[in-house]
Amino acid sequence: MFTRLKWFAAGSAVTIGAGVYLGAKAKKARERITPEAITRAGVSTAAGIMGAAGRRMQRAGTVVETTVVVEESEGVDPGQG
């Protein structure tokens, strides 16, 4: 009989502890998820994706050197810029 009580108490303590832990974790997550935080994360992710795409394009050699094009259109000798 005492063994059953011991296991019941241990199970109850673990259940209550898990509930408190998960409740605190949910509260922190709720505080972290604000419209500003979501926007900031989205912009950061988009910037990272664009940066990675740009690096891939540079490695592939498909990026046009815009400074040369602009200098030529302004009548400036490239390299004198």
Protein backbone atom coordinates (compact mmCIF):
# COMPACT_ATOMS: atom_id res chain seq x y z
CA MET A 1 0.00 0.00 0.00
CA PHE A 2 2.84 2.38 0.88
CA THR A 3 4.49 1.74 -2.52
CA ARG A 4 1.35 2.81 -4.35
CA LEU A 5 1.16 6.01 -2.33
CA LYS A 6 4.83 6.72 -3.03
CA TRP A 7 4.37 6.30 -6.80
CA PHE A 8 1.17 8.34 -6.76
CA ALA A 9 2.96 11.20 -4.95
CA ALA A 10 5.94 11.02 -7.31
CA GLY A 11 3.67 11.09 -10.37
CA SER A 12 1.67 14.00 -8.99
CA ALA A 13 4.84 15.99 -8.25
CA VAL A 14 6.19 15.40 -11.75
CA THR A 15 2.86 16.38 -13.30
CA ILE A 16 2.63 19.58 -11.28
CA GLY A 17 6.27 20.43 -11.98
CA ALA A 18 5.82 19.89 -15.70
CA GLY A 19 2.72 22.07 -15.67
CA VAL A 20 4.55 24.92 -13.94
CA TYR A 21 7.53 24.62 -16.28
CA LEU A 22 5.40 24.57 -19.44
CA GLY A 23 3.27 27.44 -18.16
CA ALA A 24 6.35 29.61 -17.62
CA LYS A 25 7.71 28.66 -21.03
CA ALA A 26 4.39 29.54 -22.69
CA LYS A 27 4.30 32.90 -20.90
CA LYS A 28 7.80 33.77 -22.17
CA ALA A 29 6.85 32.73 -25.70
CA ARG A 30 3.69 34.83 -25.55
CA GLU A 31 5.74 37.87 -24.47
CA ARG A 32 8.25 37.24 -27.26
CA ILE A 33 5.64 36.97 -30.01
CA THR A 34 4.62 40.54 -30.71
CA PRO A 35 3.83 42.11 -34.08
CA GLU A 36 7.11 44.04 -33.94
CA ALA A 37 9.14 40.92 -33.19
CA ILE A 38 7.48 38.97 -36.00
CA THR A 39 8.12 41.82 -38.44
CA ARG A 40 11.75 42.09 -37.34
CA ALA A 41 12.25 38.36 -37.79
CA GLY A 42 10.64 38.42 -41.23
CA VAL A 43 12.78 41.31 -42.43
CA SER A 44 15.91 39.66 -41.07
CA THR A 45 15.05 36.40 -42.81
CA ALA A 46 14.31 38.15 -46.11
CA ALA A 47 17.58 40.08 -45.93
CA GLY A 48 19.47 36.87 -45.26
CA ILE A 49 17.85 35.13 -48.21
CA MET A 50 18.58 38.08 -50.51
CA GLY A 51 22.19 38.21 -49.33
CA ALA A 52 22.67 34.50 -49.94
CA ALA A 53 21.12 34.79 -53.40
CA GLY A 54 23.42 37.70 -54.21
CA ARG A 55 26.49 35.75 -53.11
CA ARG A 56 25.41 32.79 -55.25
CA MET A 57 24.92 35.06 -58.25
CA GLN A 58 28.35 36.62 -57.73
CA ARG A 59 29.96 33.20 -57.60
CA ALA A 60 28.17 32.27 -60.79
CA GLY A 61 29.45 35.46 -62.46
CA THR A 62 26.01 36.76 -63.44
CA VAL A 63 26.16 40.07 -61.57
CA VAL A 64 26.68 43.08 -63.81
CA GLU A 65 29.13 45.63 -62.48
CA THR A 66 26.76 48.56 -62.01
CA THR A 67 29.50 51.08 -61.21
CA VAL A 68 31.03 50.68 -64.68
CA VAL A 69 27.63 51.05 -66.35
CA VAL A 70 26.81 54.19 -64.36
CA GLU A 71 30.23 55.75 -64.99
CA GLU A 72 29.99 55.08 -68.72
CA SER A 73 26.49 56.57 -68.89
CA GLU A 74 27.73 59.73 -67.14
CA GLY A 75 30.66 60.09 -69.53
CA VAL A 76 33.25 59.31 -66.87
CA ASP A 77 36.18 57.10 -67.75
CA PRO A 78 35.83 53.87 -65.73
CA GLY A 79 38.72 53.64 -63.37
CA GLN A 80 38.98 57.40 -62.88
CA GLY A 81 35.87 57.31 -60.61
